[in-house]
Amino acid sequence: MLQALIIFLAQLIYVPVLTLRTITMVKGMKGKASALGTLEGVIYVVAIAIVFSDLSNYLNMAAYAIGFGVGLYIGQIIEQKLAIGYVTIEVNIMNKNELLTERLREVGFSVSTAEVEGMNEVRRFRLDCTARRDREQEFIKIVCDYEPNAFIVSYEPRNFKGGYITKAMKKRKEKFLKNKKQVS
């Protein structure tokens, strides 16, 4: 019974670490991905060694499988809370809504607007924004408050260059390096 509990707990740690390692790897964070991969490997070897030490112990196998499933759930929650990276959001609305655009900019979103042509040559307006993923729901809520019938689509850009976000990231990096030098 103790072995099954150890296996279950190991899986509760292993799978979220696996999830985070995958995310950091996809986002190009090589150092973090390597460190998480090492931790992942150690946990995996320990858990699987206990399972393989007694293949007639079905409780250990069940603990491994259930722990894996619960670990996936926990990993997903952690990933949503961290919201690493950026998201590009496009909003299509029927009319130019200056109040919406002003409100989004007021709370710190960079918003570009354009008049676009929809089906049957209908004029619409599109808002474009790239923001940190942890602010995506905030952006969508503001849009829905001003334009309940807006068409909103978001996706994760692989990379970008220039613009408001790049300038903001450069300022944060410079501030970080300045603070780091002061601490040293």
N, C-alpha and C. Protein backbone atom coordinates (compact mmCIF):
# COMPACT_ATOMS: atom_id res chain seq x y z
N MET A 1 0.83 -1.20 0.00
CA MET A 1 0.00 0.00 0.00
C MET A 1 0.87 1.27 0.00
N LEU A 2 1.97 1.26 0.76
CA LEU A 2 2.87 2.40 0.81
C LEU A 2 3.50 2.64 -0.57
N GLN A 3 3.86 1.54 -1.26
CA GLN A 3 4.45 1.69 -2.60
C GLN A 3 3.45 2.35 -3.55
N ALA A 4 2.20 1.94 -3.48
CA ALA A 4 1.16 2.51 -4.36
C ALA A 4 1.00 4.00 -4.08
N LEU A 5 1.06 4.39 -2.83
CA LEU A 5 0.95 5.80 -2.47
C LEU A 5 2.16 6.58 -3.00
N ILE A 6 3.34 6.02 -2.87
CA ILE A 6 4.55 6.67 -3.39
C ILE A 6 4.45 6.85 -4.90
N ILE A 7 4.00 5.79 -5.58
CA ILE A 7 3.84 5.85 -7.04
C ILE A 7 2.84 6.94 -7.42
N PHE A 8 1.71 6.96 -6.73
CA PHE A 8 0.66 7.95 -7.02
C PHE A 8 1.20 9.37 -6.83
N LEU A 9 1.86 9.61 -5.72
CA LEU A 9 2.42 10.94 -5.44
C LEU A 9 3.50 11.32 -6.45
N ALA A 10 4.31 10.33 -6.83
CA ALA A 10 5.35 10.58 -7.84
C ALA A 10 4.71 11.02 -9.15
N GLN A 11 3.62 10.38 -9.53
CA GLN A 11 2.93 10.74 -10.76
C GLN A 11 2.31 12.14 -10.66
N LEU A 12 1.85 12.50 -9.46
CA LEU A 12 1.27 13.83 -9.27
C LEU A 12 2.31 14.92 -9.46
N ILE A 13 3.56 14.58 -9.25
CA ILE A 13 4.65 15.53 -9.48
C ILE A 13 5.18 15.39 -10.91
N TYR A 14 5.36 14.15 -11.33
CA TYR A 14 5.97 13.86 -12.63
C TYR A 14 5.19 14.47 -13.80
N VAL A 15 3.90 14.26 -13.85
CA VAL A 15 3.13 14.68 -15.03
C VAL A 15 3.05 16.21 -15.14
N PRO A 16 2.80 16.95 -14.07
CA PRO A 16 2.86 18.41 -14.22
C PRO A 16 4.26 18.90 -14.64
N VAL A 17 5.31 18.26 -14.14
CA VAL A 17 6.67 18.63 -14.57
C VAL A 17 6.82 18.33 -16.06
N LEU A 18 6.31 17.20 -16.51
CA LEU A 18 6.33 16.85 -17.94
C LEU A 18 5.60 17.91 -18.76
N THR A 19 4.44 18.34 -18.27
CA THR A 19 3.66 19.37 -18.96
C THR A 19 4.45 20.67 -19.06
N LEU A 20 5.03 21.10 -17.95
CA LEU A 20 5.81 22.34 -17.94
C LEU A 20 7.06 22.22 -18.82
N ARG A 21 7.70 21.06 -18.80
CA ARG A 21 8.87 20.86 -19.65
C ARG A 21 8.51 20.98 -21.11
N THR A 22 7.39 20.39 -21.49
CA THR A 22 6.94 20.47 -22.88
C THR A 22 6.66 21.92 -23.27
N ILE A 23 5.99 22.65 -22.41
CA ILE A 23 5.66 24.05 -22.69
C ILE A 23 6.93 24.89 -22.83
N THR A 24 7.86 24.72 -21.89
CA THR A 24 9.10 25.51 -21.96
C THR A 24 9.92 25.15 -23.20
N MET A 25 9.86 23.90 -23.59
CA MET A 25 10.59 23.46 -24.78
C MET A 25 9.98 24.11 -26.03
N VAL A 26 8.66 24.09 -26.12
CA VAL A 26 7.97 24.68 -27.27
C VAL A 26 8.20 26.19 -27.33
N LYS A 27 8.29 26.82 -26.17
CA LYS A 27 8.48 28.28 -26.10
C LYS A 27 9.95 28.66 -26.26
N GLY A 28 10.84 27.68 -26.44
CA GLY A 28 12.24 27.97 -26.68
C GLY A 28 13.05 28.27 -25.44
N MET A 29 12.56 27.89 -24.27
CA MET A 29 13.26 28.13 -23.01
C MET A 29 14.15 26.93 -22.71
N LYS A 30 15.29 26.86 -23.38
CA LYS A 30 16.15 25.68 -23.35
C LYS A 30 16.63 25.30 -21.95
N GLY A 31 17.09 26.28 -21.18
CA GLY A 31 17.61 26.00 -19.84
C GLY A 31 16.55 25.43 -18.91
N LYS A 32 15.40 26.07 -18.90
CA LYS A 32 14.30 25.60 -18.05
C LYS A 32 13.82 24.22 -18.50
N ALA A 33 13.72 24.02 -19.80
CA ALA A 33 13.28 22.73 -20.33
C ALA A 33 14.26 21.63 -19.92
N SER A 34 15.55 21.92 -19.98
CA SER A 34 16.56 20.92 -19.61
C SER A 34 16.48 20.57 -18.12
N ALA A 35 16.33 21.60 -17.28
CA ALA A 35 16.23 21.36 -15.84
C ALA A 35 14.99 20.56 -15.50
N LEU A 36 13.86 20.94 -16.10
CA LEU A 36 12.62 20.20 -15.86
C LEU A 36 12.72 18.77 -16.40
N GLY A 37 13.39 18.60 -17.52
CA GLY A 37 13.58 17.26 -18.11
C GLY A 37 14.39 16.36 -17.19
N THR A 38 15.41 16.93 -16.55
CA THR A 38 16.22 16.15 -15.60
C THR A 38 15.36 15.70 -14.42
N LEU A 39 14.60 16.65 -13.85
CA LEU A 39 13.71 16.31 -12.73
C LEU A 39 12.69 15.27 -13.16
N GLU A 40 12.13 15.45 -14.34
CA GLU A 40 11.15 14.51 -14.89
C GLU A 40 11.74 13.10 -14.99
N GLY A 41 12.97 13.01 -15.50
CA GLY A 41 13.63 11.71 -15.65
C GLY A 41 13.84 11.00 -14.33
N VAL A 42 14.28 11.73 -13.32
CA VAL A 42 14.50 11.14 -12.00
C VAL A 42 13.21 10.59 -11.41
N ILE A 43 12.15 11.39 -11.47
CA ILE A 43 10.86 10.96 -10.91
C ILE A 43 10.34 9.74 -11.67
N TYR A 44 10.44 9.77 -12.99
CA TYR A 44 9.96 8.67 -13.82
C TYR A 44 10.68 7.36 -13.48
N VAL A 45 11.99 7.42 -13.38
CA VAL A 45 12.77 6.22 -13.10
C VAL A 45 12.39 5.62 -11.75
N VAL A 46 12.22 6.46 -10.75
CA VAL A 46 11.85 5.97 -9.41
C VAL A 46 10.48 5.31 -9.45
N ALA A 47 9.49 5.99 -10.04
CA ALA A 47 8.13 5.45 -10.06
C ALA A 47 8.04 4.15 -10.87
N ILE A 48 8.65 4.14 -12.05
CA ILE A 48 8.55 2.96 -12.90
C ILE A 48 9.33 1.79 -12.32
N ALA A 49 10.42 2.09 -11.60
CA ALA A 49 11.19 1.02 -10.95
C ALA A 49 10.36 0.32 -9.89
N ILE A 50 9.57 1.09 -9.15
CA ILE A 50 8.71 0.47 -8.13
C ILE A 50 7.64 -0.39 -8.80
N VAL A 51 7.06 0.11 -9.87
CA VAL A 51 6.03 -0.67 -10.59
C VAL A 51 6.63 -1.96 -11.14
N PHE A 52 7.79 -1.88 -11.79
CA PHE A 52 8.41 -3.06 -12.40
C PHE A 52 8.99 -4.02 -11.38
N SER A 53 9.19 -3.59 -10.15
CA SER A 53 9.76 -4.48 -9.14
C SER A 53 8.79 -5.61 -8.77
N ASP A 54 7.49 -5.38 -9.01
CA ASP A 54 6.50 -6.42 -8.70
C ASP A 54 5.33 -6.29 -9.68
N LEU A 55 5.45 -6.94 -10.82
CA LEU A 55 4.42 -6.83 -11.86
C LEU A 55 3.12 -7.55 -11.51
N SER A 56 3.11 -8.27 -10.40
CA SER A 56 1.87 -8.92 -9.97
C SER A 56 1.07 -8.00 -9.05
N ASN A 57 1.61 -6.85 -8.68
CA ASN A 57 0.94 -5.92 -7.79
C ASN A 57 0.11 -4.93 -8.64
N TYR A 58 -1.17 -5.27 -8.78
CA TYR A 58 -2.05 -4.46 -9.61
C TYR A 58 -2.39 -3.11 -8.97
N LEU A 59 -2.27 -3.03 -7.68
CA LEU A 59 -2.51 -1.77 -6.97
C LEU A 59 -1.46 -0.72 -7.40
N ASN A 60 -0.21 -1.15 -7.53
CA ASN A 60 0.85 -0.24 -7.98
C ASN A 60 0.59 0.24 -9.40
N MET A 61 0.14 -0.68 -10.26
CA MET A 61 -0.16 -0.31 -11.64
C MET A 61 -1.33 0.66 -11.70
N ALA A 62 -2.34 0.41 -10.89
CA ALA A 62 -3.50 1.30 -10.84
C ALA A 62 -3.09 2.68 -10.32
N ALA A 63 -2.24 2.70 -9.28
CA ALA A 63 -1.77 3.97 -8.72
C ALA A 63 -1.00 4.75 -9.78
N TYR A 64 -0.21 4.07 -10.60
CA TYR A 64 0.56 4.71 -11.67
C TYR A 64 -0.40 5.35 -12.68
N ALA A 65 -1.38 4.59 -13.12
CA ALA A 65 -2.32 5.07 -14.14
C ALA A 65 -3.21 6.20 -13.60
N ILE A 66 -3.74 6.02 -12.41
CA ILE A 66 -4.60 7.06 -11.83
C ILE A 66 -3.79 8.32 -11.53
N GLY A 67 -2.60 8.13 -11.00
CA GLY A 67 -1.72 9.27 -10.74
C GLY A 67 -1.40 10.03 -12.01
N PHE A 68 -1.20 9.29 -13.11
CA PHE A 68 -0.92 9.93 -14.40
C PHE A 68 -2.10 10.79 -14.82
N GLY A 69 -3.31 10.24 -14.72
CA GLY A 69 -4.52 10.98 -15.11
C GLY A 69 -4.74 12.22 -14.25
N VAL A 70 -4.62 12.08 -12.95
CA VAL A 70 -4.79 13.22 -12.05
C VAL A 70 -3.67 14.23 -12.28
N GLY A 71 -2.47 13.74 -12.53
CA GLY A 71 -1.33 14.62 -12.82
C GLY A 71 -1.56 15.46 -14.06
N LEU A 72 -2.18 14.87 -15.09
CA LEU A 72 -2.51 15.63 -16.31
C LEU A 72 -3.46 16.78 -15.98
N TYR A 73 -4.44 16.48 -15.15
CA TYR A 73 -5.41 17.50 -14.76
C TYR A 73 -4.70 18.64 -14.01
N ILE A 74 -3.86 18.29 -13.07
CA ILE A 74 -3.11 19.29 -12.29
C ILE A 74 -2.17 20.08 -13.20
N GLY A 75 -1.50 19.39 -14.12
CA GLY A 75 -0.61 20.05 -15.06
C GLY A 75 -1.34 21.08 -15.90
N GLN A 76 -2.54 20.74 -16.33
CA GLN A 76 -3.36 21.67 -17.12
C GLN A 76 -3.72 22.91 -16.31
N ILE A 77 -4.08 22.72 -15.05
CA ILE A 77 -4.42 23.85 -14.18
C ILE A 77 -3.20 24.75 -14.00
N ILE A 78 -2.06 24.15 -13.74
CA ILE A 78 -0.81 24.93 -13.57
C ILE A 78 -0.50 25.71 -14.84
N GLU A 79 -0.62 25.07 -15.99
CA GLU A 79 -0.34 25.73 -17.27
C GLU A 79 -1.27 26.93 -17.47
N GLN A 80 -2.53 26.77 -17.14
CA GLN A 80 -3.48 27.88 -17.30
C GLN A 80 -3.16 29.03 -16.36
N LYS A 81 -2.73 28.71 -15.16
CA LYS A 81 -2.38 29.75 -14.18
C LYS A 81 -1.12 30.51 -14.60
N LEU A 82 -0.13 29.78 -15.12
CA LEU A 82 1.11 30.42 -15.54
C LEU A 82 0.92 31.24 -16.81
N ALA A 83 0.13 30.71 -17.74
CA ALA A 83 -0.16 31.37 -19.02
C ALA A 83 1.11 31.97 -19.63
N ILE A 84 2.08 31.13 -19.89
CA ILE A 84 3.36 31.57 -20.42
C ILE A 84 3.21 31.97 -21.88
N GLY A 85 3.78 33.09 -22.25
CA GLY A 85 3.81 33.49 -23.64
C GLY A 85 2.84 34.60 -23.99
N TYR A 86 2.57 34.70 -25.27
CA TYR A 86 1.75 35.78 -25.80
C TYR A 86 0.62 35.22 -26.65
N VAL A 87 -0.38 36.04 -26.86
CA VAL A 87 -1.51 35.67 -27.67
C VAL A 87 -1.85 36.85 -28.58
N THR A 88 -2.22 36.54 -29.80
CA THR A 88 -2.70 37.57 -30.72
C THR A 88 -4.21 37.42 -30.79
N ILE A 89 -4.90 38.54 -30.63
CA ILE A 89 -6.36 38.52 -30.59
C ILE A 89 -6.87 39.43 -31.70
N GLU A 90 -7.80 38.90 -32.49
CA GLU A 90 -8.47 39.68 -33.53
C GLU A 90 -9.94 39.79 -33.16
N VAL A 91 -10.46 40.98 -33.28
CA VAL A 91 -11.88 41.23 -32.96
C VAL A 91 -12.52 41.87 -34.18
N ASN A 92 -13.64 41.32 -34.63
CA ASN A 92 -14.40 41.91 -35.72
C ASN A 92 -15.72 42.42 -35.15
N ILE A 93 -15.98 43.72 -35.43
CA ILE A 93 -17.21 44.35 -34.95
C ILE A 93 -17.89 45.08 -36.11
N MET A 94 -19.17 45.33 -35.97
CA MET A 94 -19.96 45.94 -37.05
C MET A 94 -19.65 47.42 -37.24
N ASN A 95 -19.43 48.15 -36.14
CA ASN A 95 -19.23 49.59 -36.20
C ASN A 95 -17.94 49.98 -35.47
N LYS A 96 -17.38 51.09 -35.89
CA LYS A 96 -16.18 51.59 -35.21
C LYS A 96 -16.61 51.98 -33.79
N ASN A 97 -15.93 51.43 -32.80
CA ASN A 97 -16.30 51.69 -31.42
C ASN A 97 -15.11 52.36 -30.71
N GLU A 98 -15.08 53.67 -30.76
CA GLU A 98 -13.97 54.43 -30.17
C GLU A 98 -13.88 54.20 -28.66
N LEU A 99 -15.04 54.07 -28.00
CA LEU A 99 -15.02 53.86 -26.54
C LEU A 99 -14.32 52.55 -26.19
N LEU A 100 -14.59 51.51 -26.97
CA LEU A 100 -13.93 50.22 -26.75
C LEU A 100 -12.43 50.34 -26.95
N THR A 101 -12.03 50.93 -28.06
CA THR A 101 -10.61 51.08 -28.35
C THR A 101 -9.91 51.90 -27.26
N GLU A 102 -10.54 53.00 -26.85
CA GLU A 102 -9.97 53.83 -25.79
C GLU A 102 -9.84 53.05 -24.48
N ARG A 103 -10.85 52.27 -24.15
CA ARG A 103 -10.82 51.50 -22.89
C ARG A 103 -9.71 50.46 -22.92
N LEU A 104 -9.56 49.76 -24.03
CA LEU A 104 -8.50 48.75 -24.14
C LEU A 104 -7.12 49.40 -24.00
N ARG A 105 -6.93 50.53 -24.63
CA ARG A 105 -5.64 51.23 -24.53
C ARG A 105 -5.43 51.78 -23.13
N GLU A 106 -6.50 52.24 -22.52
CA GLU A 106 -6.44 52.79 -21.16
C GLU A 106 -5.91 51.77 -20.15
N VAL A 107 -6.27 50.49 -20.33
CA VAL A 107 -5.82 49.45 -19.40
C VAL A 107 -4.53 48.77 -19.86
N GLY A 108 -3.90 49.33 -20.92
CA GLY A 108 -2.57 48.87 -21.29
C GLY A 108 -2.45 47.93 -22.47
N PHE A 109 -3.52 47.73 -23.21
CA PHE A 109 -3.43 46.88 -24.39
C PHE A 109 -3.04 47.73 -25.60
N SER A 110 -2.20 47.17 -26.46
CA SER A 110 -1.88 47.86 -27.71
C SER A 110 -2.93 47.39 -28.71
N VAL A 111 -3.62 48.32 -29.30
CA VAL A 111 -4.71 47.97 -30.21
C VAL A 111 -4.52 48.70 -31.53
N SER A 112 -4.55 47.95 -32.60
CA SER A 112 -4.54 48.54 -33.94
C SER A 112 -5.93 48.33 -34.51
N THR A 113 -6.42 49.32 -35.24
CA THR A 113 -7.76 49.20 -35.82
C THR A 113 -7.67 49.32 -37.33
N ALA A 114 -8.61 48.70 -38.00
CA ALA A 114 -8.66 48.79 -39.47
C ALA A 114 -10.09 48.56 -39.93
N GLU A 115 -10.45 49.25 -40.99
CA GLU A 115 -11.73 48.98 -41.63
C GLU A 115 -11.49 47.85 -42.61
N VAL A 116 -12.34 46.84 -42.57
CA VAL A 116 -12.18 45.68 -43.44
C VAL A 116 -13.48 45.41 -44.18
N GLU A 117 -13.36 44.62 -45.22
CA GLU A 117 -14.53 44.28 -46.02
C GLU A 117 -14.95 42.85 -45.72
N GLY A 118 -16.19 42.68 -45.29
CA GLY A 118 -16.71 41.35 -44.99
C GLY A 118 -17.44 40.77 -46.18
N MET A 119 -18.21 39.75 -45.92
CA MET A 119 -18.99 39.10 -46.96
C MET A 119 -19.97 40.10 -47.58
N ASN A 120 -20.20 40.00 -48.88
CA ASN A 120 -21.09 40.89 -49.61
C ASN A 120 -20.68 42.36 -49.49
N GLU A 121 -19.38 42.59 -49.39
CA GLU A 121 -18.79 43.92 -49.33
C GLU A 121 -19.27 44.76 -48.14
N VAL A 122 -19.70 44.10 -47.09
CA VAL A 122 -20.13 44.81 -45.88
C VAL A 122 -18.90 45.33 -45.15
N ARG A 123 -18.94 46.59 -44.74
CA ARG A 123 -17.84 47.20 -44.00
C ARG A 123 -17.92 46.80 -42.53
N ARG A 124 -16.79 46.36 -42.02
CA ARG A 124 -16.65 45.99 -40.61
C ARG A 124 -15.38 46.64 -40.10
N PHE A 125 -15.19 46.50 -38.80
CA PHE A 125 -13.97 47.03 -38.20
C PHE A 125 -13.26 45.91 -37.45
N ARG A 126 -11.94 45.89 -37.59
CA ARG A 126 -11.14 44.85 -36.94
C ARG A 126 -10.18 45.51 -35.96
N LEU A 127 -10.10 44.91 -34.77
CA LEU A 127 -9.14 45.33 -33.77
C LEU A 127 -8.12 44.22 -33.66
N ASP A 128 -6.86 44.57 -33.64
CA ASP A 128 -5.78 43.60 -33.50
C ASP A 128 -4.98 43.93 -32.26
N CYS A 129 -4.65 42.91 -31.49
CA CYS A 129 -3.86 43.11 -30.28
C CYS A 129 -2.99 41.88 -30.04
N THR A 130 -1.76 42.11 -29.61
CA THR A 130 -0.91 41.03 -29.13
C THR A 130 -0.63 41.36 -27.67
N ALA A 131 -0.90 40.41 -26.80
CA ALA A 131 -0.77 40.65 -25.36
C ALA A 131 -0.23 39.39 -24.67
N ARG A 132 0.16 39.55 -23.42
CA ARG A 132 0.56 38.39 -22.63
C ARG A 132 -0.65 37.47 -22.49
N ARG A 133 -0.40 36.17 -22.50
CA ARG A 133 -1.50 35.19 -22.40
C ARG A 133 -2.30 35.34 -21.11
N ASP A 134 -1.64 35.78 -20.04
CA ASP A 134 -2.36 35.90 -18.77
C ASP A 134 -3.36 37.06 -18.78
N ARG A 135 -3.39 37.86 -19.84
CA ARG A 135 -4.35 38.96 -19.94
C ARG A 135 -5.42 38.71 -21.01
N GLU A 136 -5.39 37.55 -21.63
CA GLU A 136 -6.34 37.25 -22.72
C GLU A 136 -7.79 37.36 -22.26
N GLN A 137 -8.13 36.74 -21.14
CA GLN A 137 -9.52 36.76 -20.68
C GLN A 137 -9.97 38.17 -20.29
N GLU A 138 -9.05 38.96 -19.74
CA GLU A 138 -9.36 40.35 -19.41
C GLU A 138 -9.72 41.12 -20.68
N PHE A 139 -8.94 40.94 -21.74
CA PHE A 139 -9.20 41.59 -23.02
C PHE A 139 -10.57 41.18 -23.55
N ILE A 140 -10.84 39.90 -23.56
CA ILE A 140 -12.11 39.38 -24.10
C ILE A 140 -13.29 39.92 -23.29
N LYS A 141 -13.16 40.00 -21.98
CA LYS A 141 -14.25 40.51 -21.13
C LYS A 141 -14.56 41.97 -21.47
N ILE A 142 -13.51 42.77 -21.63
CA ILE A 142 -13.72 44.18 -21.98
C ILE A 142 -14.44 44.29 -23.32
N VAL A 143 -13.99 43.52 -24.31
CA VAL A 143 -14.63 43.56 -25.63
C VAL A 143 -16.10 43.16 -25.51
N CYS A 144 -16.37 42.10 -24.76
CA CYS A 144 -17.76 41.64 -24.62
C CYS A 144 -18.64 42.65 -23.89
N ASP A 145 -18.06 43.40 -22.96
CA ASP A 145 -18.82 44.44 -22.27
C ASP A 145 -19.26 45.55 -23.23
N TYR A 146 -18.41 45.88 -24.19
CA TYR A 146 -18.71 46.95 -25.14
C TYR A 146 -19.37 46.45 -26.42
N GLU A 147 -19.03 45.23 -26.82
CA GLU A 147 -19.53 44.66 -28.08
C GLU A 147 -19.91 43.19 -27.87
N PRO A 148 -21.10 42.93 -27.30
CA PRO A 148 -21.49 41.55 -27.00
C PRO A 148 -21.54 40.62 -28.22
N ASN A 149 -21.74 41.16 -29.42
CA ASN A 149 -21.83 40.33 -30.63
C ASN A 149 -20.54 40.28 -31.42
N ALA A 150 -19.44 40.71 -30.83
CA ALA A 150 -18.16 40.73 -31.54
C ALA A 150 -17.71 39.30 -31.86
N PHE A 151 -17.04 39.17 -33.00
CA PHE A 151 -16.39 37.91 -33.35
C PHE A 151 -14.95 38.03 -32.88
N ILE A 152 -14.53 37.13 -31.99
CA ILE A 152 -13.20 37.20 -31.40
C ILE A 152 -12.47 35.90 -31.67
N VAL A 153 -11.24 36.01 -32.15
CA VAL A 153 -10.40 34.84 -32.36
C VAL A 153 -9.02 35.14 -31.79
N SER A 154 -8.44 34.14 -31.16
CA SER A 154 -7.09 34.34 -30.63
C SER A 154 -6.22 33.15 -30.98
N TYR A 155 -4.94 33.41 -31.08
CA TYR A 155 -3.98 32.36 -31.38
C TYR A 155 -2.62 32.78 -30.83
N GLU A 156 -1.74 31.81 -30.70
CA GLU A 156 -0.41 32.08 -30.17
C GLU A 156 0.56 32.29 -31.32
N PRO A 157 1.19 33.46 -31.37
CA PRO A 157 2.20 33.69 -32.41
C PRO A 157 3.48 32.93 -32.08
N ARG A 158 4.14 32.41 -33.10
CA ARG A 158 5.42 31.72 -32.89
C ARG A 158 6.51 32.71 -32.52
N ASN A 159 6.55 33.83 -33.21
CA ASN A 159 7.48 34.88 -32.85
C ASN A 159 7.00 36.18 -33.46
N PHE A 160 7.58 37.28 -33.01
CA PHE A 160 7.22 38.58 -33.55
C PHE A 160 8.41 39.51 -33.38
N LYS A 161 8.38 40.61 -34.11
CA LYS A 161 9.48 41.58 -34.09
C LYS A 161 8.89 42.97 -34.16
N GLY A 162 9.43 43.89 -33.37
CA GLY A 162 8.98 45.27 -33.40
C GLY A 162 7.67 45.48 -32.65
N GLY A 163 7.19 46.70 -32.68
CA GLY A 163 5.91 47.03 -32.09
C GLY A 163 5.95 47.31 -30.59
N TYR A 164 4.78 47.55 -30.06
CA TYR A 164 4.57 47.93 -28.67
C TYR A 164 5.11 46.90 -27.69
N ILE A 165 4.82 45.63 -27.92
CA ILE A 165 5.24 44.58 -26.98
C ILE A 165 6.76 44.45 -26.96
N THR A 166 7.38 44.49 -28.11
CA THR A 166 8.84 44.36 -28.17
C THR A 166 9.50 45.50 -27.40
N LYS A 167 8.99 46.73 -27.54
CA LYS A 167 9.52 47.86 -26.79
C LYS A 167 9.33 47.64 -25.29
N ALA A 168 8.15 47.19 -24.90
CA ALA A 168 7.86 46.96 -23.48
C ALA A 168 8.76 45.87 -22.91
N MET A 169 8.99 44.79 -23.70
CA MET A 169 9.87 43.71 -23.23
C MET A 169 11.30 44.22 -23.08
N LYS A 170 11.74 45.06 -24.01
CA LYS A 170 13.10 45.61 -23.95
C LYS A 170 13.26 46.46 -22.69
N LYS A 171 12.25 47.28 -22.38
CA LYS A 171 12.30 48.11 -21.18
C LYS A 171 12.34 47.25 -19.92
N ARG A 172 11.53 46.18 -19.88
CA ARG A 172 11.53 45.27 -18.72
C ARG A 172 12.88 44.59 -18.56
N LYS A 173 13.49 44.18 -19.67
CA LYS A 173 14.79 43.52 -19.63
C LYS A 173 15.85 44.48 -19.11
N GLU A 174 15.83 45.71 -19.63
CA GLU A 174 16.80 46.72 -19.17
C GLU A 174 16.62 46.99 -17.68
N LYS A 175 15.38 47.10 -17.22
CA LYS A 175 15.09 47.33 -15.81
C LYS A 175 15.58 46.15 -14.97
N PHE A 176 15.34 44.93 -15.46
CA PHE A 176 15.78 43.72 -14.76
C PHE A 176 17.30 43.71 -14.63
N LEU A 177 18.01 43.98 -15.73
CA LEU A 177 19.47 43.98 -15.71
C LEU A 177 20.01 45.08 -14.80
N LYS A 178 19.36 46.22 -14.79
CA LYS A 178 19.77 47.32 -13.92
C LYS A 178 19.60 46.92 -12.45
N ASN A 179 18.47 46.34 -12.13
CA ASN A 179 18.21 45.88 -10.75
C ASN A 179 19.18 44.77 -10.35
N LYS A 180 19.51 43.90 -11.28
CA LYS A 180 20.42 42.79 -11.03
C LYS A 180 21.82 43.34 -10.69
N LYS A 181 22.25 44.37 -11.43
CA LYS A 181 23.55 44.99 -11.17
C LYS A 181 23.58 45.66 -9.80
N GLN A 182 22.47 46.28 -9.41
CA GLN A 182 22.40 46.95 -8.12
C GLN A 182 22.47 45.96 -6.97
N VAL A 183 21.88 44.79 -7.15
CA VAL A 183 21.88 43.74 -6.12
C VAL A 183 23.28 43.16 -5.96
N SER A 184 24.01 43.01 -7.08
CA SER A 184 25.34 42.39 -7.07
C SER A 184 26.37 43.20 -6.35
